């Protein structure tokens, strides 16, 4: 996809949604980190339902440690893989207290050293909590990037690198959220809703979905 069309896509997405953000609920970098850790193979709706009960009780690493793994599990047991996630959260909180003064480090290397935190989670935290121009390629961004022709690639790493090169700098901070939301609500996995897609004229996907018959 050429640079002019890429710019036009993000100009259009900005017009549709001038202030995109994550649908995970949080009030601090720590709460965001925990929410993202819990969101693997889970929905934001399910995570928010759990954290609305959890965060009033434990909204710092030390409070989470005081709650304990068993105590945490009671709050997150409705989320998939909750036992593994509870263990990762406890280990992460211990490291935050022991090595980072109870704060979430705004540093990729330090973030990725935390249990359960990979590149995607680190990118979300760096972008959303600290304003870094990172793009966390999840299943939605991977699909939208390939389907539209915006940044086609066989791996998330390739897609991420292509996006970082092609997205104009002024759009980099919000590109992550625009693409996720577009994939979640419009460019859906099984049946993209092309008939009401704002970027449909710019999209290079050949098998456009026609509007449903009334």
N, C-alpha and C. Protein backbone atom coordinates (compact mmCIF):
# COMPACT_ATOMS: atom_id res chain seq x y z
N UNK A 1 0.84 -1.19 0.00
CA UNK A 1 0.00 0.00 0.00
C UNK A 1 0.88 1.24 0.00
N UNK A 2 0.53 2.20 -0.84
CA UNK A 2 1.36 3.40 -0.92
C UNK A 2 1.11 4.34 0.26
N UNK A 3 2.04 5.28 0.44
CA UNK A 3 2.02 6.16 1.60
C UNK A 3 0.78 7.05 1.64
N UNK A 4 0.34 7.51 0.48
CA UNK A 4 -0.83 8.39 0.44
C UNK A 4 -2.09 7.67 0.91
N UNK A 5 -2.24 6.42 0.48
CA UNK A 5 -3.42 5.66 0.89
C UNK A 5 -3.35 5.32 2.38
N UNK A 6 -2.17 5.00 2.86
CA UNK A 6 -1.98 4.71 4.29
C UNK A 6 -2.37 5.93 5.12
N UNK A 7 -1.90 7.11 4.71
CA UNK A 7 -2.25 8.33 5.43
C UNK A 7 -3.75 8.56 5.41
N UNK A 8 -4.35 8.33 4.25
CA UNK A 8 -5.80 8.55 4.12
C UNK A 8 -6.59 7.64 5.05
N UNK A 9 -6.11 6.41 5.23
CA UNK A 9 -6.78 5.47 6.13
C UNK A 9 -6.79 6.02 7.55
N UNK A 10 -5.66 6.50 8.02
CA UNK A 10 -5.60 6.98 9.40
C UNK A 10 -6.27 8.34 9.57
N UNK A 11 -6.28 9.14 8.54
CA UNK A 11 -7.05 10.39 8.60
C UNK A 11 -8.54 10.07 8.75
N UNK A 12 -8.99 9.05 8.03
CA UNK A 12 -10.39 8.64 8.10
C UNK A 12 -10.72 8.06 9.47
N UNK A 13 -9.85 7.19 9.98
CA UNK A 13 -10.08 6.60 11.30
C UNK A 13 -10.10 7.68 12.38
N UNK A 14 -9.29 8.70 12.22
CA UNK A 14 -9.28 9.80 13.19
C UNK A 14 -10.58 10.60 13.13
N UNK A 15 -11.09 10.79 11.92
CA UNK A 15 -12.37 11.50 11.78
C UNK A 15 -13.50 10.74 12.46
N UNK A 16 -13.47 9.43 12.32
CA UNK A 16 -14.52 8.59 12.91
C UNK A 16 -14.40 8.54 14.43
N UNK A 17 -13.17 8.48 14.93
CA UNK A 17 -12.92 8.35 16.37
C UNK A 17 -11.71 9.20 16.75
N UNK A 18 -11.92 10.46 17.08
CA UNK A 18 -10.80 11.38 17.34
C UNK A 18 -9.97 11.04 18.57
N UNK A 19 -10.55 10.34 19.54
CA UNK A 19 -9.83 10.06 20.78
C UNK A 19 -9.98 8.59 21.17
N UNK A 20 -9.34 7.69 20.43
CA UNK A 20 -9.48 6.27 20.74
C UNK A 20 -8.69 5.88 21.99
N UNK A 21 -9.17 4.87 22.68
CA UNK A 21 -8.43 4.38 23.84
C UNK A 21 -8.79 2.92 24.08
N UNK A 22 -8.08 2.31 25.00
CA UNK A 22 -8.35 0.91 25.33
C UNK A 22 -9.72 0.77 25.99
N UNK A 23 -10.33 -0.40 25.83
CA UNK A 23 -11.60 -0.67 26.49
C UNK A 23 -11.40 -1.32 27.85
N UNK A 24 -10.15 -1.60 28.21
CA UNK A 24 -9.85 -2.08 29.56
C UNK A 24 -9.96 -0.91 30.53
N UNK A 25 -10.54 -1.15 31.69
CA UNK A 25 -10.73 -0.10 32.68
C UNK A 25 -9.54 -0.09 33.66
N UNK A 26 -8.97 1.10 33.87
CA UNK A 26 -7.81 1.22 34.76
C UNK A 26 -7.67 2.67 35.19
N UNK A 27 -6.95 2.90 36.26
CA UNK A 27 -6.72 4.27 36.73
C UNK A 27 -5.25 4.55 37.03
N UNK A 28 -4.37 3.59 36.70
CA UNK A 28 -2.94 3.78 36.93
C UNK A 28 -2.17 2.82 36.03
N UNK A 29 -0.88 3.09 35.79
CA UNK A 29 -0.08 2.14 35.00
C UNK A 29 -0.11 0.73 35.59
N UNK A 30 -0.13 0.62 36.92
CA UNK A 30 -0.16 -0.71 37.54
C UNK A 30 -1.47 -1.43 37.22
N UNK A 31 -2.58 -0.74 37.36
CA UNK A 31 -3.87 -1.37 37.05
C UNK A 31 -3.94 -1.76 35.58
N UNK A 32 -3.40 -0.93 34.70
CA UNK A 32 -3.39 -1.28 33.28
C UNK A 32 -2.56 -2.54 33.05
N UNK A 33 -1.38 -2.61 33.65
CA UNK A 33 -0.52 -3.78 33.50
C UNK A 33 -1.25 -5.05 33.95
N UNK A 34 -1.90 -4.99 35.09
CA UNK A 34 -2.62 -6.17 35.60
C UNK A 34 -3.77 -6.52 34.67
N UNK A 35 -4.51 -5.53 34.20
CA UNK A 35 -5.64 -5.79 33.30
C UNK A 35 -5.17 -6.44 32.01
N UNK A 36 -4.05 -5.98 31.47
CA UNK A 36 -3.53 -6.56 30.23
C UNK A 36 -3.05 -7.99 30.47
N UNK A 37 -2.40 -8.22 31.61
CA UNK A 37 -1.98 -9.59 31.95
C UNK A 37 -3.18 -10.54 32.03
N UNK A 38 -4.27 -10.04 32.56
CA UNK A 38 -5.47 -10.87 32.70
C UNK A 38 -6.22 -11.05 31.39
N UNK A 39 -5.95 -10.19 30.41
CA UNK A 39 -6.75 -10.17 29.18
C UNK A 39 -6.35 -11.23 28.15
N UNK A 40 -5.23 -11.90 28.35
CA UNK A 40 -4.81 -12.93 27.39
C UNK A 40 -5.89 -14.01 27.29
N UNK A 41 -6.31 -14.29 26.06
CA UNK A 41 -7.36 -15.29 25.81
C UNK A 41 -8.61 -15.02 26.63
N UNK A 42 -8.93 -13.74 26.81
CA UNK A 42 -10.14 -13.33 27.52
C UNK A 42 -10.65 -12.06 26.86
N UNK A 43 -11.89 -11.71 27.13
CA UNK A 43 -12.45 -10.48 26.58
C UNK A 43 -12.24 -9.32 27.53
N UNK A 44 -12.18 -8.11 26.99
CA UNK A 44 -12.06 -6.93 27.84
C UNK A 44 -13.27 -6.83 28.77
N UNK A 45 -14.43 -7.22 28.27
CA UNK A 45 -15.64 -7.18 29.10
C UNK A 45 -15.48 -8.08 30.32
N UNK A 46 -14.97 -9.29 30.11
CA UNK A 46 -14.77 -10.22 31.21
C UNK A 46 -13.72 -9.74 32.19
N UNK A 47 -12.64 -9.16 31.68
CA UNK A 47 -11.59 -8.63 32.55
C UNK A 47 -12.13 -7.47 33.38
N UNK A 48 -12.85 -6.55 32.73
CA UNK A 48 -13.40 -5.39 33.45
C UNK A 48 -14.35 -5.82 34.57
N UNK A 49 -15.12 -6.85 34.30
CA UNK A 49 -16.06 -7.35 35.32
C UNK A 49 -15.30 -7.81 36.56
N UNK A 50 -14.16 -8.46 36.34
CA UNK A 50 -13.35 -8.94 37.47
C UNK A 50 -12.61 -7.81 38.17
N UNK A 51 -12.00 -6.91 37.39
CA UNK A 51 -11.19 -5.86 38.00
C UNK A 51 -12.02 -4.79 38.70
N UNK A 52 -13.30 -4.67 38.35
CA UNK A 52 -14.16 -3.73 39.08
C UNK A 52 -14.30 -4.13 40.54
N UNK A 53 -14.17 -5.41 40.82
CA UNK A 53 -14.19 -5.90 42.19
C UNK A 53 -12.78 -5.95 42.79
N UNK A 54 -11.81 -6.27 41.95
CA UNK A 54 -10.44 -6.45 42.43
C UNK A 54 -9.73 -5.14 42.77
N UNK A 55 -9.77 -4.17 41.87
CA UNK A 55 -8.94 -2.97 42.05
C UNK A 55 -9.31 -2.12 43.27
N UNK A 56 -10.58 -2.04 43.68
CA UNK A 56 -10.86 -1.31 44.92
C UNK A 56 -10.20 -1.94 46.15
N UNK A 57 -9.92 -3.24 46.06
CA UNK A 57 -9.30 -3.96 47.17
C UNK A 57 -7.78 -3.98 47.06
N UNK A 58 -7.27 -4.08 45.83
CA UNK A 58 -5.82 -4.18 45.61
C UNK A 58 -5.46 -3.39 44.36
N UNK A 59 -4.97 -2.17 44.56
CA UNK A 59 -4.60 -1.33 43.41
C UNK A 59 -3.13 -0.92 43.43
N UNK A 60 -2.34 -1.61 44.27
CA UNK A 60 -0.89 -1.43 44.27
C UNK A 60 -0.24 -2.82 44.32
N UNK A 61 1.02 -2.93 43.92
CA UNK A 61 1.69 -4.23 43.99
C UNK A 61 1.68 -4.82 45.40
N UNK A 62 1.93 -4.00 46.42
CA UNK A 62 1.97 -4.52 47.78
C UNK A 62 0.60 -5.01 48.23
N UNK A 63 -0.44 -4.27 47.89
CA UNK A 63 -1.79 -4.71 48.25
C UNK A 63 -2.14 -6.03 47.57
N UNK A 64 -1.66 -6.19 46.34
CA UNK A 64 -1.91 -7.44 45.61
C UNK A 64 -1.17 -8.59 46.30
N UNK A 65 0.06 -8.34 46.73
CA UNK A 65 0.82 -9.36 47.45
C UNK A 65 0.14 -9.71 48.77
N UNK A 66 -0.39 -8.70 49.45
CA UNK A 66 -1.08 -8.94 50.72
C UNK A 66 -2.33 -9.79 50.50
N UNK A 67 -2.95 -9.62 49.35
CA UNK A 67 -4.15 -10.40 49.02
C UNK A 67 -3.79 -11.88 48.86
N UNK A 68 -2.61 -12.14 48.29
CA UNK A 68 -2.15 -13.51 48.12
C UNK A 68 -2.72 -14.16 46.87
N UNK A 69 -2.05 -15.21 46.43
CA UNK A 69 -2.46 -15.88 45.19
C UNK A 69 -3.86 -16.47 45.30
N UNK A 70 -4.16 -17.09 46.43
CA UNK A 70 -5.49 -17.68 46.61
C UNK A 70 -6.57 -16.60 46.66
N UNK A 71 -6.25 -15.51 47.34
CA UNK A 71 -7.21 -14.40 47.43
C UNK A 71 -7.46 -13.77 46.08
N UNK A 72 -6.39 -13.58 45.31
CA UNK A 72 -6.53 -13.02 43.97
C UNK A 72 -7.37 -13.94 43.09
N UNK A 73 -7.14 -15.23 43.20
CA UNK A 73 -7.86 -16.20 42.37
C UNK A 73 -9.36 -16.09 42.54
N UNK A 74 -9.80 -15.76 43.75
CA UNK A 74 -11.24 -15.63 43.99
C UNK A 74 -11.85 -14.49 43.17
N UNK A 75 -11.05 -13.46 42.91
CA UNK A 75 -11.55 -12.32 42.14
C UNK A 75 -11.50 -12.56 40.63
N UNK A 76 -10.59 -13.40 40.18
CA UNK A 76 -10.38 -13.55 38.74
C UNK A 76 -10.76 -14.94 38.21
N UNK A 77 -11.43 -15.75 39.02
CA UNK A 77 -11.69 -17.13 38.61
C UNK A 77 -12.67 -17.25 37.44
N UNK A 78 -13.34 -16.15 37.09
CA UNK A 78 -14.22 -16.17 35.93
C UNK A 78 -13.45 -15.97 34.62
N UNK A 79 -12.16 -15.67 34.73
CA UNK A 79 -11.32 -15.41 33.56
C UNK A 79 -10.54 -16.68 33.21
N UNK A 80 -10.41 -16.97 31.94
CA UNK A 80 -9.68 -18.15 31.50
C UNK A 80 -8.23 -18.15 31.98
N UNK A 81 -7.72 -19.34 32.27
CA UNK A 81 -6.34 -19.52 32.73
C UNK A 81 -6.04 -18.74 34.00
N UNK A 82 -7.05 -18.61 34.88
CA UNK A 82 -6.89 -17.72 36.03
C UNK A 82 -5.81 -18.18 37.00
N UNK A 83 -5.58 -19.48 37.12
CA UNK A 83 -4.56 -19.96 38.06
C UNK A 83 -3.16 -19.54 37.61
N UNK A 84 -2.89 -19.70 36.32
CA UNK A 84 -1.59 -19.28 35.78
C UNK A 84 -1.45 -17.77 35.88
N UNK A 85 -2.51 -17.06 35.57
CA UNK A 85 -2.47 -15.59 35.62
C UNK A 85 -2.27 -15.09 37.05
N UNK A 86 -2.90 -15.75 38.00
CA UNK A 86 -2.73 -15.35 39.41
C UNK A 86 -1.27 -15.51 39.83
N UNK A 87 -0.65 -16.60 39.41
CA UNK A 87 0.75 -16.82 39.74
C UNK A 87 1.64 -15.75 39.10
N UNK A 88 1.38 -15.44 37.82
CA UNK A 88 2.16 -14.41 37.14
C UNK A 88 1.99 -13.04 37.80
N UNK A 89 0.77 -12.72 38.18
CA UNK A 89 0.52 -11.43 38.83
C UNK A 89 1.29 -11.35 40.15
N UNK A 90 1.26 -12.40 40.93
CA UNK A 90 1.98 -12.40 42.20
C UNK A 90 3.49 -12.23 41.99
N UNK A 91 4.03 -12.96 41.03
CA UNK A 91 5.47 -12.87 40.75
C UNK A 91 5.82 -11.48 40.22
N UNK A 92 4.95 -10.94 39.38
CA UNK A 92 5.18 -9.60 38.84
C UNK A 92 5.16 -8.56 39.96
N UNK A 93 4.19 -8.65 40.85
CA UNK A 93 4.10 -7.70 41.96
C UNK A 93 5.32 -7.77 42.87
N UNK A 94 5.80 -8.97 43.11
CA UNK A 94 6.99 -9.13 43.94
C UNK A 94 8.19 -8.42 43.31
N UNK A 95 8.35 -8.59 41.99
CA UNK A 95 9.47 -7.94 41.29
C UNK A 95 9.30 -6.42 41.30
N UNK A 96 8.07 -5.95 41.11
CA UNK A 96 7.83 -4.51 41.11
C UNK A 96 8.20 -3.90 42.46
N UNK A 97 7.87 -4.60 43.54
CA UNK A 97 8.18 -4.10 44.88
C UNK A 97 9.68 -4.17 45.15
N UNK A 98 10.30 -5.30 44.80
CA UNK A 98 11.71 -5.51 45.14
C UNK A 98 12.67 -4.73 44.25
N UNK A 99 12.34 -4.55 42.99
CA UNK A 99 13.29 -3.95 42.04
C UNK A 99 12.90 -2.56 41.54
N UNK A 100 11.62 -2.21 41.64
CA UNK A 100 11.18 -0.97 41.00
C UNK A 100 10.41 -0.05 41.94
N UNK A 101 10.58 -0.26 43.23
CA UNK A 101 9.93 0.62 44.19
C UNK A 101 8.42 0.61 44.12
N UNK A 102 7.86 -0.50 43.67
CA UNK A 102 6.41 -0.60 43.58
C UNK A 102 5.80 0.11 42.39
N UNK A 103 6.64 0.56 41.47
CA UNK A 103 6.17 1.28 40.28
C UNK A 103 6.34 0.42 39.03
N UNK A 104 5.51 0.69 38.03
CA UNK A 104 5.65 0.02 36.74
C UNK A 104 6.72 0.75 35.95
N UNK A 105 7.78 0.07 35.54
CA UNK A 105 8.87 0.74 34.82
C UNK A 105 8.45 1.11 33.40
N UNK A 106 8.75 2.34 32.96
CA UNK A 106 8.43 2.77 31.60
C UNK A 106 9.52 2.35 30.62
N UNK A 107 9.93 1.11 30.70
CA UNK A 107 11.09 0.63 29.96
C UNK A 107 10.78 -0.77 29.42
N UNK A 108 10.98 -0.97 28.13
CA UNK A 108 10.62 -2.23 27.50
C UNK A 108 11.36 -3.42 28.12
N UNK A 109 12.65 -3.30 28.29
CA UNK A 109 13.44 -4.42 28.80
C UNK A 109 12.96 -4.83 30.19
N UNK A 110 12.71 -3.84 31.04
CA UNK A 110 12.25 -4.14 32.39
C UNK A 110 10.84 -4.74 32.38
N UNK A 111 9.99 -4.24 31.51
CA UNK A 111 8.63 -4.78 31.41
C UNK A 111 8.64 -6.23 30.94
N UNK A 112 9.44 -6.50 29.91
CA UNK A 112 9.46 -7.85 29.35
C UNK A 112 10.16 -8.86 30.27
N UNK A 113 10.82 -8.35 31.31
CA UNK A 113 11.43 -9.24 32.30
C UNK A 113 10.40 -9.71 33.34
N UNK A 114 9.21 -9.11 33.31
CA UNK A 114 8.17 -9.49 34.26
C UNK A 114 7.46 -10.77 33.80
N UNK A 115 7.09 -11.65 34.72
CA UNK A 115 6.43 -12.91 34.35
C UNK A 115 5.12 -12.67 33.59
N UNK A 116 4.98 -13.35 32.47
CA UNK A 116 3.76 -13.24 31.68
C UNK A 116 3.71 -12.04 30.76
N UNK A 117 4.75 -11.20 30.80
CA UNK A 117 4.77 -10.00 29.96
C UNK A 117 5.66 -10.23 28.76
N UNK A 118 5.07 -10.26 27.59
CA UNK A 118 5.82 -10.37 26.35
C UNK A 118 5.83 -9.05 25.62
N UNK A 119 6.24 -9.07 24.39
CA UNK A 119 6.36 -7.83 23.62
C UNK A 119 5.01 -7.13 23.46
N UNK A 120 3.95 -7.90 23.20
CA UNK A 120 2.64 -7.30 22.98
C UNK A 120 2.15 -6.57 24.23
N UNK A 121 2.24 -7.23 25.39
CA UNK A 121 1.81 -6.60 26.63
C UNK A 121 2.65 -5.37 26.94
N UNK A 122 3.96 -5.47 26.74
CA UNK A 122 4.84 -4.32 26.97
C UNK A 122 4.45 -3.16 26.06
N UNK A 123 4.14 -3.46 24.81
CA UNK A 123 3.74 -2.41 23.87
C UNK A 123 2.46 -1.71 24.31
N UNK A 124 1.49 -2.49 24.80
CA UNK A 124 0.24 -1.89 25.27
C UNK A 124 0.52 -0.94 26.43
N UNK A 125 1.30 -1.37 27.40
CA UNK A 125 1.60 -0.54 28.57
C UNK A 125 2.40 0.69 28.17
N UNK A 126 3.41 0.51 27.34
CA UNK A 126 4.23 1.65 26.91
C UNK A 126 3.39 2.67 26.16
N UNK A 127 2.48 2.20 25.31
CA UNK A 127 1.66 3.10 24.52
C UNK A 127 0.58 3.77 25.36
N UNK A 128 -0.19 2.97 26.08
CA UNK A 128 -1.38 3.48 26.75
C UNK A 128 -1.06 4.19 28.06
N UNK A 129 -0.12 3.67 28.82
CA UNK A 129 0.21 4.28 30.12
C UNK A 129 1.26 5.37 30.01
N UNK A 130 2.20 5.21 29.07
CA UNK A 130 3.34 6.13 29.01
C UNK A 130 3.44 6.93 27.71
N UNK A 131 2.48 6.75 26.80
CA UNK A 131 2.44 7.59 25.61
C UNK A 131 3.48 7.29 24.55
N UNK A 132 4.08 6.11 24.61
CA UNK A 132 5.09 5.75 23.62
C UNK A 132 4.42 5.36 22.29
N UNK A 133 5.04 5.67 21.15
CA UNK A 133 4.46 5.34 19.84
C UNK A 133 4.69 3.89 19.46
N UNK A 134 4.14 2.98 20.25
CA UNK A 134 4.29 1.55 19.99
C UNK A 134 2.98 0.98 19.45
N UNK A 135 3.08 -0.16 18.78
CA UNK A 135 1.89 -0.84 18.27
C UNK A 135 1.93 -2.29 18.71
N UNK A 136 0.95 -2.67 19.51
CA UNK A 136 0.87 -4.05 20.00
C UNK A 136 0.00 -4.85 19.03
N UNK A 137 0.60 -5.69 18.25
CA UNK A 137 -0.14 -6.43 17.22
C UNK A 137 -0.84 -7.64 17.84
N UNK A 138 -2.15 -7.50 18.01
CA UNK A 138 -2.96 -8.62 18.48
C UNK A 138 -3.67 -9.23 17.28
N UNK A 139 -4.61 -10.13 17.54
CA UNK A 139 -5.30 -10.81 16.44
C UNK A 139 -6.08 -9.84 15.56
N UNK A 140 -6.64 -8.78 16.16
CA UNK A 140 -7.41 -7.80 15.39
C UNK A 140 -6.50 -6.99 14.47
N UNK A 141 -5.41 -6.48 15.02
CA UNK A 141 -4.49 -5.67 14.21
C UNK A 141 -3.85 -6.51 13.12
N UNK A 142 -3.51 -7.75 13.46
CA UNK A 142 -2.91 -8.65 12.47
C UNK A 142 -3.88 -8.86 11.30
N UNK A 143 -5.15 -9.10 11.62
CA UNK A 143 -6.16 -9.34 10.59
C UNK A 143 -6.39 -8.10 9.74
N UNK A 144 -6.59 -6.95 10.38
CA UNK A 144 -6.87 -5.72 9.64
C UNK A 144 -5.69 -5.33 8.76
N UNK A 145 -4.48 -5.47 9.28
CA UNK A 145 -3.28 -5.10 8.52
C UNK A 145 -3.13 -5.96 7.27
N UNK A 146 -3.42 -7.25 7.40
CA UNK A 146 -3.31 -8.15 6.25
C UNK A 146 -4.48 -8.00 5.30
N UNK A 147 -5.68 -7.93 5.83
CA UNK A 147 -6.87 -7.89 4.98
C UNK A 147 -6.94 -6.61 4.15
N UNK A 148 -6.62 -5.49 4.75
CA UNK A 148 -6.71 -4.21 4.03
C UNK A 148 -5.54 -3.97 3.10
N UNK A 149 -4.43 -4.69 3.34
CA UNK A 149 -3.21 -4.44 2.58
C UNK A 149 -2.35 -3.36 3.21
N UNK A 150 -2.75 -2.91 4.39
CA UNK A 150 -2.02 -1.84 5.07
C UNK A 150 -0.60 -2.25 5.43
N UNK A 151 -0.46 -3.42 6.02
CA UNK A 151 0.87 -3.92 6.42
C UNK A 151 0.84 -5.43 6.44
N UNK A 152 0.79 -6.06 5.27
CA UNK A 152 0.69 -7.52 5.21
C UNK A 152 1.95 -8.21 5.71
N UNK A 153 1.76 -9.32 6.41
CA UNK A 153 2.90 -10.08 6.91
C UNK A 153 2.44 -11.39 7.50
N UNK A 154 3.32 -12.39 7.48
CA UNK A 154 2.96 -13.72 7.97
C UNK A 154 3.10 -13.85 9.48
N UNK A 155 3.83 -12.93 10.10
CA UNK A 155 4.00 -12.99 11.56
C UNK A 155 3.67 -11.63 12.17
N UNK A 156 3.39 -11.64 13.48
CA UNK A 156 3.07 -10.38 14.15
C UNK A 156 4.28 -9.45 14.15
N UNK A 157 5.48 -10.03 14.19
CA UNK A 157 6.68 -9.20 14.18
C UNK A 157 6.81 -8.44 12.86
N UNK A 158 6.54 -9.13 11.75
CA UNK A 158 6.63 -8.48 10.44
C UNK A 158 5.57 -7.39 10.33
N UNK A 159 4.35 -7.69 10.76
CA UNK A 159 3.28 -6.70 10.70
C UNK A 159 3.62 -5.48 11.55
N UNK A 160 4.14 -5.71 12.75
CA UNK A 160 4.51 -4.59 13.62
C UNK A 160 5.55 -3.69 12.97
N UNK A 161 6.60 -4.30 12.43
CA UNK A 161 7.66 -3.51 11.80
C UNK A 161 7.15 -2.74 10.59
N UNK A 162 6.28 -3.36 9.80
CA UNK A 162 5.72 -2.67 8.64
C UNK A 162 4.83 -1.50 9.05
N UNK A 163 4.04 -1.70 10.10
CA UNK A 163 3.19 -0.62 10.58
C UNK A 163 4.01 0.55 11.09
N UNK A 164 5.06 0.26 11.83
CA UNK A 164 5.91 1.32 12.37
C UNK A 164 6.57 2.13 11.26
N UNK A 165 6.78 1.49 10.11
CA UNK A 165 7.38 2.18 8.97
C UNK A 165 6.36 2.97 8.16
N UNK A 166 5.14 2.42 8.02
CA UNK A 166 4.18 3.04 7.10
C UNK A 166 3.24 4.03 7.76
N UNK A 167 2.98 3.90 9.06
CA UNK A 167 2.04 4.81 9.71
C UNK A 167 2.71 6.17 9.91
N UNK A 168 2.12 7.26 9.40
CA UNK A 168 2.70 8.59 9.61
C UNK A 168 2.87 8.87 11.10
N UNK A 169 3.94 9.56 11.46
CA UNK A 169 4.29 9.75 12.86
C UNK A 169 3.15 10.36 13.68
N UNK A 170 2.41 11.28 13.09
CA UNK A 170 1.35 11.96 13.83
C UNK A 170 0.23 11.01 14.27
N UNK A 171 0.16 9.85 13.61
CA UNK A 171 -0.89 8.88 13.94
C UNK A 171 -0.38 7.71 14.77
N UNK A 172 0.92 7.62 15.00
CA UNK A 172 1.49 6.44 15.64
C UNK A 172 0.96 6.18 17.04
N UNK A 173 0.78 7.22 17.81
CA UNK A 173 0.33 7.01 19.19
C UNK A 173 -1.03 6.33 19.26
N UNK A 174 -1.94 6.72 18.36
CA UNK A 174 -3.31 6.20 18.41
C UNK A 174 -3.57 5.05 17.45
N UNK A 175 -2.61 4.74 16.57
CA UNK A 175 -2.83 3.70 15.55
C UNK A 175 -3.22 2.37 16.17
N UNK A 176 -2.57 2.02 17.26
CA UNK A 176 -2.85 0.77 17.97
C UNK A 176 -4.34 0.64 18.30
N UNK A 177 -4.91 1.69 18.89
CA UNK A 177 -6.31 1.64 19.31
C UNK A 177 -7.26 1.68 18.12
N UNK A 178 -6.96 2.51 17.13
CA UNK A 178 -7.83 2.58 15.95
C UNK A 178 -7.96 1.22 15.29
N UNK A 179 -6.84 0.55 15.11
CA UNK A 179 -6.85 -0.73 14.39
C UNK A 179 -7.54 -1.83 15.20
N UNK A 180 -7.30 -1.86 16.50
CA UNK A 180 -7.97 -2.86 17.34
C UNK A 180 -9.49 -2.67 17.30
N UNK A 181 -9.93 -1.44 17.51
CA UNK A 181 -11.37 -1.17 17.54
C UNK A 181 -12.00 -1.44 16.18
N UNK A 182 -11.28 -1.12 15.11
CA UNK A 182 -11.81 -1.37 13.77
C UNK A 182 -11.96 -2.87 13.54
N UNK A 183 -10.98 -3.64 13.98
CA UNK A 183 -11.06 -5.09 13.83
C UNK A 183 -12.12 -5.72 14.72
N UNK A 184 -12.32 -5.14 15.88
CA UNK A 184 -13.28 -5.71 16.84
C UNK A 184 -14.73 -5.46 16.41
N UNK A 185 -14.99 -4.28 15.83
CA UNK A 185 -16.38 -3.91 15.57
C UNK A 185 -16.78 -3.81 14.10
N UNK A 186 -15.81 -3.71 13.20
CA UNK A 186 -16.14 -3.56 11.78
C UNK A 186 -15.49 -4.65 10.94
N UNK A 187 -14.17 -4.73 10.96
CA UNK A 187 -13.45 -5.70 10.14
C UNK A 187 -13.33 -7.02 10.90
N UNK A 188 -14.48 -7.62 11.16
CA UNK A 188 -14.56 -8.81 12.01
C UNK A 188 -13.96 -10.03 11.32
N UNK A 189 -13.59 -11.01 12.14
CA UNK A 189 -12.86 -12.17 11.62
C UNK A 189 -13.68 -12.97 10.61
N UNK A 190 -14.86 -13.40 10.99
CA UNK A 190 -15.63 -14.29 10.12
C UNK A 190 -16.30 -13.55 8.97
N UNK A 191 -16.82 -12.38 9.24
CA UNK A 191 -17.55 -11.64 8.21
C UNK A 191 -17.35 -10.15 8.40
N UNK A 192 -16.38 -9.57 7.68
CA UNK A 192 -16.15 -8.13 7.80
C UNK A 192 -17.38 -7.35 7.34
N UNK A 193 -17.73 -6.32 8.07
CA UNK A 193 -18.92 -5.53 7.74
C UNK A 193 -18.55 -4.37 6.83
N UNK A 194 -18.15 -4.73 5.62
CA UNK A 194 -17.62 -3.77 4.66
C UNK A 194 -18.64 -2.70 4.27
N UNK A 195 -19.92 -3.02 4.35
CA UNK A 195 -20.94 -2.09 3.87
C UNK A 195 -21.07 -0.83 4.72
N UNK A 196 -20.53 -0.85 5.94
CA UNK A 196 -20.54 0.39 6.72
C UNK A 196 -19.14 0.74 7.23
N UNK A 197 -18.13 0.29 6.49
CA UNK A 197 -16.74 0.56 6.86
C UNK A 197 -16.28 1.90 6.28
N UNK A 198 -15.79 2.77 7.15
CA UNK A 198 -15.37 4.11 6.71
C UNK A 198 -14.18 4.07 5.77
N UNK A 199 -13.33 3.03 5.89
CA UNK A 199 -12.14 2.97 5.04
C UNK A 199 -12.30 1.99 3.89
N UNK A 200 -13.53 1.54 3.63
CA UNK A 200 -13.77 0.58 2.56
C UNK A 200 -13.24 1.05 1.20
N UNK A 201 -13.40 2.32 0.83
CA UNK A 201 -12.88 2.76 -0.48
C UNK A 201 -11.35 2.67 -0.59
N UNK A 202 -10.67 2.64 0.55
CA UNK A 202 -9.21 2.60 0.56
C UNK A 202 -8.68 1.18 0.76
N UNK A 203 -9.54 0.28 1.17
CA UNK A 203 -9.16 -1.09 1.51
C UNK A 203 -8.88 -1.91 0.25
N UNK A 204 -7.83 -2.72 0.29
CA UNK A 204 -7.43 -3.52 -0.87
C UNK A 204 -7.94 -4.95 -0.81
N UNK A 205 -8.80 -5.25 0.16
CA UNK A 205 -9.41 -6.58 0.26
C UNK A 205 -10.37 -6.79 -0.91
N UNK A 206 -10.21 -7.88 -1.61
CA UNK A 206 -11.00 -8.10 -2.83
C UNK A 206 -12.39 -8.66 -2.56
N UNK A 207 -12.51 -9.47 -1.55
CA UNK A 207 -13.78 -10.15 -1.29
C UNK A 207 -14.64 -9.35 -0.31
N UNK A 208 -15.02 -8.14 -0.72
CA UNK A 208 -15.82 -7.27 0.14
C UNK A 208 -17.18 -7.90 0.45
N UNK A 209 -17.61 -7.71 1.67
CA UNK A 209 -18.91 -8.25 2.08
C UNK A 209 -20.01 -7.27 1.69
N UNK A 210 -21.00 -7.71 0.91
CA UNK A 210 -22.10 -6.81 0.53
C UNK A 210 -23.04 -6.57 1.71
N UNK A 211 -23.79 -5.51 1.62
CA UNK A 211 -24.76 -5.21 2.67
C UNK A 211 -25.82 -6.30 2.72
N UNK A 212 -26.28 -6.65 3.91
CA UNK A 212 -27.32 -7.69 4.01
C UNK A 212 -28.61 -7.24 3.35
N UNK A 213 -29.32 -8.19 2.77
CA UNK A 213 -30.59 -7.89 2.12
C UNK A 213 -31.68 -7.69 3.16
N UNK A 214 -32.44 -6.65 2.99
CA UNK A 214 -33.53 -6.37 3.93
C UNK A 214 -34.78 -7.15 3.53
